[in-house]
Amino acid sequence: MLKIDKKFAVTVTISILVTILVYIGIVTSLERPTLSRTPLSEENAVSIVIDKKNLNSSDRQDFVTEFVHIKGNGSFYESNLNSNYVGTHLGDSHTTINNANYFAWKITDRINNFTYFIEPLNGEIVSEISQ
């Protein structure tokens, strides 16, 4: 008969439980933003575009906002602010500033016919395109 040391069995059991808890924590963190990484509101994203691009029009009605996922090659997809959902392809822009993928606010300036992609955590413009 195979004899199993109790300390070994307890160690393996604790290791399995810790692994399961870490897995649950990682999966949960991917599903929603944490308090320390709360995304910018769409109003703040529009304000960033107005400030950084020195736009004369400050009327919020001149801007259309949408939350998207933009790939490094510039293709962008529908998304959801409260999850990491990536949906159908919506269009193409220029490549992002470092060819990385981002969840971003897509801010369309209807007066100047420009679209800007704003990284929602730090407010950086990661891509832009004229229409």
N, C-alpha and C. Protein backbone atom coordinates (compact mmCIF):
# COMPACT_ATOMS: atom_id res chain seq x y z
N MET A 1 0.84 -1.17 0.00
CA MET A 1 0.00 0.00 0.00
C MET A 1 0.89 1.24 0.00
N LEU A 2 0.48 2.24 -0.80
CA LEU A 2 1.22 3.49 -0.93
C LEU A 2 0.93 4.39 0.26
N LYS A 3 2.00 4.84 0.91
CA LYS A 3 1.84 5.68 2.08
C LYS A 3 2.18 7.12 1.69
N ILE A 4 1.24 8.05 1.94
CA ILE A 4 1.42 9.46 1.59
C ILE A 4 1.66 10.25 2.87
N ASP A 5 2.71 11.05 2.84
CA ASP A 5 3.03 11.90 3.98
C ASP A 5 1.95 12.97 4.13
N LYS A 6 1.49 13.21 5.36
CA LYS A 6 0.42 14.18 5.59
C LYS A 6 0.86 15.59 5.23
N LYS A 7 2.10 15.95 5.52
CA LYS A 7 2.59 17.29 5.18
C LYS A 7 2.57 17.50 3.67
N PHE A 8 2.95 16.47 2.94
CA PHE A 8 2.95 16.57 1.48
C PHE A 8 1.53 16.76 0.95
N ALA A 9 0.58 16.00 1.49
CA ALA A 9 -0.82 16.09 1.06
C ALA A 9 -1.39 17.48 1.37
N VAL A 10 -1.07 18.02 2.53
CA VAL A 10 -1.55 19.36 2.91
C VAL A 10 -0.93 20.41 1.99
N THR A 11 0.36 20.27 1.70
CA THR A 11 1.05 21.22 0.82
C THR A 11 0.43 21.21 -0.58
N VAL A 12 0.17 20.04 -1.12
CA VAL A 12 -0.44 19.93 -2.45
C VAL A 12 -1.85 20.52 -2.44
N THR A 13 -2.62 20.25 -1.41
CA THR A 13 -3.98 20.77 -1.31
C THR A 13 -3.98 22.30 -1.24
N ILE A 14 -3.10 22.86 -0.41
CA ILE A 14 -3.01 24.32 -0.30
C ILE A 14 -2.56 24.93 -1.63
N SER A 15 -1.61 24.30 -2.30
CA SER A 15 -1.14 24.80 -3.60
C SER A 15 -2.26 24.83 -4.62
N ILE A 16 -3.07 23.79 -4.65
CA ILE A 16 -4.19 23.73 -5.59
C ILE A 16 -5.21 24.83 -5.27
N LEU A 17 -5.52 25.03 -4.00
CA LEU A 17 -6.48 26.07 -3.61
C LEU A 17 -5.96 27.47 -3.96
N VAL A 18 -4.69 27.73 -3.71
CA VAL A 18 -4.11 29.03 -4.04
C VAL A 18 -4.15 29.25 -5.55
N THR A 19 -3.83 28.22 -6.32
CA THR A 19 -3.88 28.32 -7.79
C THR A 19 -5.28 28.65 -8.27
N ILE A 20 -6.28 28.02 -7.70
CA ILE A 20 -7.67 28.29 -8.08
C ILE A 20 -8.05 29.73 -7.73
N LEU A 21 -7.66 30.19 -6.55
CA LEU A 21 -7.97 31.57 -6.15
C LEU A 21 -7.28 32.60 -7.05
N VAL A 22 -6.03 32.36 -7.41
CA VAL A 22 -5.32 33.26 -8.32
C VAL A 22 -6.00 33.28 -9.68
N TYR A 23 -6.41 32.11 -10.18
CA TYR A 23 -7.11 32.03 -11.46
C TYR A 23 -8.40 32.85 -11.42
N ILE A 24 -9.18 32.68 -10.37
CA ILE A 24 -10.43 33.43 -10.24
C ILE A 24 -10.15 34.93 -10.19
N GLY A 25 -9.11 35.32 -9.46
CA GLY A 25 -8.74 36.74 -9.39
C GLY A 25 -8.35 37.31 -10.74
N ILE A 26 -7.58 36.57 -11.51
CA ILE A 26 -7.16 37.04 -12.83
C ILE A 26 -8.35 37.16 -13.77
N VAL A 27 -9.20 36.15 -13.80
CA VAL A 27 -10.37 36.19 -14.68
C VAL A 27 -11.29 37.34 -14.29
N THR A 28 -11.50 37.55 -13.01
CA THR A 28 -12.36 38.64 -12.54
C THR A 28 -11.77 39.99 -12.91
N SER A 29 -10.46 40.15 -12.77
CA SER A 29 -9.83 41.44 -13.09
C SER A 29 -9.92 41.77 -14.56
N LEU A 30 -10.00 40.77 -15.41
CA LEU A 30 -10.11 41.02 -16.85
C LEU A 30 -11.52 41.43 -17.25
N GLU A 31 -12.50 41.10 -16.43
CA GLU A 31 -13.89 41.36 -16.79
C GLU A 31 -14.36 42.78 -16.50
N ARG A 32 -13.69 43.48 -15.59
CA ARG A 32 -14.13 44.84 -15.26
C ARG A 32 -12.94 45.66 -14.75
N PRO A 33 -13.00 46.97 -14.93
CA PRO A 33 -11.91 47.81 -14.46
C PRO A 33 -11.87 47.89 -12.93
N THR A 34 -10.69 48.07 -12.39
CA THR A 34 -10.55 48.22 -10.95
C THR A 34 -10.68 49.69 -10.59
N LEU A 35 -10.79 49.99 -9.31
CA LEU A 35 -10.94 51.37 -8.87
C LEU A 35 -9.73 52.22 -9.23
N SER A 36 -8.54 51.61 -9.20
CA SER A 36 -7.34 52.39 -9.50
C SER A 36 -7.17 52.61 -11.00
N ARG A 37 -7.95 51.93 -11.80
CA ARG A 37 -7.84 52.07 -13.25
C ARG A 37 -9.20 52.41 -13.86
N THR A 38 -9.88 53.35 -13.24
CA THR A 38 -11.19 53.77 -13.73
C THR A 38 -11.01 54.60 -14.99
N PRO A 39 -11.71 54.24 -16.07
CA PRO A 39 -11.54 54.98 -17.33
C PRO A 39 -12.11 56.40 -17.28
N LEU A 40 -11.58 57.24 -18.15
CA LEU A 40 -12.08 58.61 -18.30
C LEU A 40 -13.52 58.58 -18.78
N SER A 41 -14.29 59.56 -18.39
CA SER A 41 -15.64 59.69 -18.94
C SER A 41 -15.52 60.22 -20.37
N GLU A 42 -16.58 60.06 -21.13
CA GLU A 42 -16.53 60.56 -22.51
C GLU A 42 -16.42 62.08 -22.54
N GLU A 43 -16.99 62.76 -21.56
CA GLU A 43 -16.87 64.22 -21.50
C GLU A 43 -15.42 64.64 -21.30
N ASN A 44 -14.71 63.93 -20.41
CA ASN A 44 -13.30 64.24 -20.19
C ASN A 44 -12.46 63.94 -21.42
N ALA A 45 -12.80 62.87 -22.13
CA ALA A 45 -12.06 62.53 -23.35
C ALA A 45 -12.24 63.62 -24.41
N VAL A 46 -13.45 64.15 -24.54
CA VAL A 46 -13.69 65.25 -25.49
C VAL A 46 -12.90 66.48 -25.06
N SER A 47 -12.89 66.78 -23.78
CA SER A 47 -12.12 67.93 -23.28
C SER A 47 -10.64 67.78 -23.58
N ILE A 48 -10.11 66.58 -23.46
CA ILE A 48 -8.70 66.34 -23.77
C ILE A 48 -8.41 66.62 -25.23
N VAL A 49 -9.30 66.17 -26.13
CA VAL A 49 -9.11 66.44 -27.56
C VAL A 49 -9.14 67.94 -27.82
N ILE A 50 -10.10 68.64 -27.24
CA ILE A 50 -10.21 70.09 -27.45
C ILE A 50 -8.94 70.79 -26.97
N ASP A 51 -8.43 70.40 -25.79
CA ASP A 51 -7.24 71.04 -25.23
C ASP A 51 -5.98 70.70 -26.03
N LYS A 52 -5.77 69.41 -26.31
CA LYS A 52 -4.52 69.00 -26.96
C LYS A 52 -4.44 69.43 -28.41
N LYS A 53 -5.57 69.55 -29.07
CA LYS A 53 -5.58 69.92 -30.49
C LYS A 53 -5.92 71.39 -30.69
N ASN A 54 -6.08 72.13 -29.61
CA ASN A 54 -6.40 73.57 -29.67
C ASN A 54 -7.57 73.86 -30.61
N LEU A 55 -8.64 73.11 -30.42
CA LEU A 55 -9.81 73.26 -31.29
C LEU A 55 -10.63 74.47 -30.87
N ASN A 56 -11.09 75.21 -31.84
CA ASN A 56 -11.89 76.40 -31.57
C ASN A 56 -13.28 76.03 -31.07
N SER A 57 -13.82 74.95 -31.61
CA SER A 57 -15.16 74.54 -31.22
C SER A 57 -15.11 73.81 -29.89
N SER A 58 -15.78 74.36 -28.90
CA SER A 58 -15.85 73.68 -27.62
C SER A 58 -17.28 73.21 -27.34
N ASP A 59 -18.12 73.25 -28.35
CA ASP A 59 -19.49 72.79 -28.21
C ASP A 59 -19.50 71.27 -28.27
N ARG A 60 -19.92 70.63 -27.19
CA ARG A 60 -19.92 69.16 -27.11
C ARG A 60 -20.81 68.52 -28.18
N GLN A 61 -21.74 69.29 -28.72
CA GLN A 61 -22.63 68.76 -29.75
C GLN A 61 -21.89 68.50 -31.06
N ASP A 62 -20.71 69.09 -31.21
CA ASP A 62 -19.92 68.91 -32.44
C ASP A 62 -19.12 67.61 -32.42
N PHE A 63 -19.18 66.86 -31.32
CA PHE A 63 -18.38 65.65 -31.18
C PHE A 63 -19.28 64.43 -30.97
N VAL A 64 -18.88 63.33 -31.58
CA VAL A 64 -19.57 62.05 -31.39
C VAL A 64 -18.57 61.12 -30.72
N THR A 65 -19.01 60.46 -29.65
CA THR A 65 -18.11 59.57 -28.91
C THR A 65 -18.60 58.13 -28.98
N GLU A 66 -17.63 57.23 -28.95
CA GLU A 66 -17.93 55.80 -28.95
C GLU A 66 -16.74 55.09 -28.33
N PHE A 67 -16.99 54.06 -27.53
CA PHE A 67 -15.90 53.29 -26.94
C PHE A 67 -15.58 52.13 -27.86
N VAL A 68 -14.31 51.99 -28.23
CA VAL A 68 -13.90 50.98 -29.20
C VAL A 68 -12.63 50.28 -28.74
N HIS A 69 -12.29 49.23 -29.46
CA HIS A 69 -10.99 48.57 -29.31
C HIS A 69 -10.24 48.82 -30.62
N ILE A 70 -9.03 49.41 -30.53
CA ILE A 70 -8.25 49.69 -31.73
C ILE A 70 -6.99 48.84 -31.69
N LYS A 71 -6.74 48.14 -32.77
CA LYS A 71 -5.54 47.32 -32.88
C LYS A 71 -4.37 48.17 -33.34
N GLY A 72 -3.19 47.65 -33.18
CA GLY A 72 -1.98 48.37 -33.56
C GLY A 72 -1.94 48.77 -35.02
N ASN A 73 -2.60 47.99 -35.87
CA ASN A 73 -2.61 48.29 -37.31
C ASN A 73 -3.65 49.35 -37.67
N GLY A 74 -4.43 49.82 -36.69
CA GLY A 74 -5.40 50.88 -36.93
C GLY A 74 -6.83 50.41 -37.11
N SER A 75 -7.06 49.12 -37.26
CA SER A 75 -8.44 48.66 -37.39
C SER A 75 -9.12 48.74 -36.02
N PHE A 76 -10.37 49.21 -36.01
CA PHE A 76 -11.06 49.36 -34.73
C PHE A 76 -12.39 48.63 -34.75
N TYR A 77 -12.80 48.22 -33.53
CA TYR A 77 -13.94 47.33 -33.34
C TYR A 77 -14.83 47.87 -32.24
N GLU A 78 -16.12 47.53 -32.30
CA GLU A 78 -17.03 47.95 -31.24
C GLU A 78 -16.56 47.32 -29.93
N SER A 79 -16.86 48.00 -28.83
CA SER A 79 -16.45 47.51 -27.52
C SER A 79 -17.44 48.00 -26.48
N ASN A 80 -17.17 47.65 -25.24
CA ASN A 80 -18.02 48.03 -24.12
C ASN A 80 -17.12 48.58 -23.02
N LEU A 81 -17.44 49.74 -22.51
CA LEU A 81 -16.63 50.40 -21.48
C LEU A 81 -16.48 49.56 -20.22
N ASN A 82 -17.48 48.77 -19.89
CA ASN A 82 -17.47 48.03 -18.63
C ASN A 82 -16.94 46.61 -18.74
N SER A 83 -16.42 46.24 -19.90
CA SER A 83 -15.86 44.90 -20.06
C SER A 83 -14.78 44.96 -21.14
N ASN A 84 -14.15 43.84 -21.35
CA ASN A 84 -13.13 43.76 -22.40
C ASN A 84 -13.71 43.15 -23.67
N TYR A 85 -14.97 43.39 -23.91
CA TYR A 85 -15.65 42.87 -25.09
C TYR A 85 -15.09 43.52 -26.36
N VAL A 86 -14.83 42.69 -27.37
CA VAL A 86 -14.42 43.19 -28.69
C VAL A 86 -15.41 42.62 -29.69
N GLY A 87 -16.12 43.51 -30.39
CA GLY A 87 -17.17 43.08 -31.31
C GLY A 87 -16.77 43.18 -32.76
N THR A 88 -17.70 43.63 -33.57
CA THR A 88 -17.51 43.65 -35.02
C THR A 88 -16.62 44.81 -35.46
N HIS A 89 -16.00 44.61 -36.59
CA HIS A 89 -15.10 45.60 -37.19
C HIS A 89 -15.90 46.82 -37.62
N LEU A 90 -15.46 48.02 -37.21
CA LEU A 90 -16.17 49.26 -37.53
C LEU A 90 -15.46 50.09 -38.59
N GLY A 91 -14.14 49.95 -38.70
CA GLY A 91 -13.40 50.77 -39.66
C GLY A 91 -11.91 50.69 -39.43
N ASP A 92 -11.19 51.59 -40.11
CA ASP A 92 -9.74 51.61 -40.02
C ASP A 92 -9.24 53.03 -39.81
N SER A 93 -8.14 53.15 -39.08
CA SER A 93 -7.48 54.41 -38.81
C SER A 93 -6.00 54.22 -39.13
N HIS A 94 -5.19 55.19 -38.74
CA HIS A 94 -3.75 55.03 -38.85
C HIS A 94 -3.29 54.09 -37.74
N THR A 95 -2.08 53.56 -37.87
CA THR A 95 -1.55 52.70 -36.81
C THR A 95 -1.47 53.49 -35.50
N THR A 96 -1.52 52.77 -34.40
CA THR A 96 -1.43 53.43 -33.10
C THR A 96 0.00 53.90 -32.86
N ILE A 97 0.19 54.75 -31.86
CA ILE A 97 1.48 55.40 -31.65
C ILE A 97 2.64 54.44 -31.44
N ASN A 98 2.39 53.28 -30.89
CA ASN A 98 3.47 52.30 -30.72
C ASN A 98 3.06 50.92 -31.22
N ASN A 99 2.12 50.89 -32.14
CA ASN A 99 1.60 49.66 -32.74
C ASN A 99 1.00 48.70 -31.72
N ALA A 100 0.54 49.22 -30.60
CA ALA A 100 -0.08 48.38 -29.57
C ALA A 100 -1.60 48.43 -29.71
N ASN A 101 -2.27 47.48 -29.11
CA ASN A 101 -3.73 47.44 -29.08
C ASN A 101 -4.22 48.23 -27.87
N TYR A 102 -5.35 48.92 -28.03
CA TYR A 102 -5.91 49.74 -26.96
C TYR A 102 -7.43 49.63 -26.94
N PHE A 103 -8.00 49.74 -25.75
CA PHE A 103 -9.39 50.13 -25.63
C PHE A 103 -9.34 51.64 -25.61
N ALA A 104 -10.23 52.30 -26.33
CA ALA A 104 -10.10 53.76 -26.47
C ALA A 104 -11.45 54.41 -26.72
N TRP A 105 -11.49 55.71 -26.38
CA TRP A 105 -12.62 56.53 -26.78
C TRP A 105 -12.37 56.99 -28.21
N LYS A 106 -13.33 56.74 -29.08
CA LYS A 106 -13.26 57.25 -30.46
C LYS A 106 -14.05 58.56 -30.44
N ILE A 107 -13.34 59.67 -30.64
CA ILE A 107 -13.96 61.00 -30.61
C ILE A 107 -13.95 61.55 -32.03
N THR A 108 -15.12 61.75 -32.60
CA THR A 108 -15.23 62.28 -33.95
C THR A 108 -15.63 63.75 -33.88
N ASP A 109 -14.77 64.59 -34.43
CA ASP A 109 -15.02 66.04 -34.51
C ASP A 109 -15.73 66.29 -35.84
N ARG A 110 -17.03 66.54 -35.77
CA ARG A 110 -17.82 66.70 -37.00
C ARG A 110 -17.53 68.01 -37.72
N ILE A 111 -17.03 69.01 -37.03
CA ILE A 111 -16.73 70.30 -37.65
C ILE A 111 -15.45 70.22 -38.48
N ASN A 112 -14.38 69.65 -37.89
CA ASN A 112 -13.08 69.58 -38.56
C ASN A 112 -12.85 68.26 -39.30
N ASN A 113 -13.82 67.35 -39.25
CA ASN A 113 -13.74 66.05 -39.92
C ASN A 113 -12.49 65.26 -39.53
N PHE A 114 -12.24 65.18 -38.23
CA PHE A 114 -11.15 64.37 -37.70
C PHE A 114 -11.71 63.39 -36.68
N THR A 115 -11.09 62.23 -36.58
CA THR A 115 -11.43 61.27 -35.54
C THR A 115 -10.17 60.99 -34.73
N TYR A 116 -10.32 61.04 -33.40
CA TYR A 116 -9.21 60.81 -32.48
C TYR A 116 -9.54 59.60 -31.62
N PHE A 117 -8.52 58.84 -31.29
CA PHE A 117 -8.67 57.69 -30.40
C PHE A 117 -7.90 58.00 -29.12
N ILE A 118 -8.63 58.09 -28.01
CA ILE A 118 -8.07 58.50 -26.72
C ILE A 118 -7.98 57.30 -25.79
N GLU A 119 -6.78 57.02 -25.30
CA GLU A 119 -6.58 55.95 -24.34
C GLU A 119 -7.33 56.34 -23.06
N PRO A 120 -8.23 55.49 -22.57
CA PRO A 120 -9.15 55.92 -21.51
C PRO A 120 -8.55 56.00 -20.10
N LEU A 121 -7.33 55.54 -19.89
CA LEU A 121 -6.75 55.60 -18.56
C LEU A 121 -5.86 56.81 -18.35
N ASN A 122 -5.10 57.18 -19.39
CA ASN A 122 -4.18 58.31 -19.23
C ASN A 122 -4.49 59.48 -20.16
N GLY A 123 -5.48 59.34 -21.04
CA GLY A 123 -5.89 60.44 -21.90
C GLY A 123 -4.98 60.71 -23.08
N GLU A 124 -4.11 59.78 -23.41
CA GLU A 124 -3.19 59.96 -24.52
C GLU A 124 -3.91 59.71 -25.85
N ILE A 125 -3.62 60.54 -26.85
CA ILE A 125 -4.15 60.32 -28.19
C ILE A 125 -3.29 59.24 -28.84
N VAL A 126 -3.88 58.06 -29.09
CA VAL A 126 -3.10 56.93 -29.60
C VAL A 126 -3.18 56.80 -31.11
N SER A 127 -4.17 57.43 -31.73
CA SER A 127 -4.29 57.41 -33.19
C SER A 127 -5.27 58.51 -33.59
N GLU A 128 -5.15 58.95 -34.82
CA GLU A 128 -6.11 59.92 -35.36
C GLU A 128 -6.16 59.76 -36.87
N ILE A 129 -7.26 60.21 -37.43
CA ILE A 129 -7.43 60.12 -38.88
C ILE A 129 -8.37 61.23 -39.34
N SER A 130 -8.07 61.79 -40.51
CA SER A 130 -9.00 62.76 -41.10
C SER A 130 -9.97 61.98 -41.97
N GLN A 131 -11.19 62.50 -42.04
CA GLN A 131 -12.23 61.75 -42.78
C GLN A 131 -12.36 62.26 -44.18
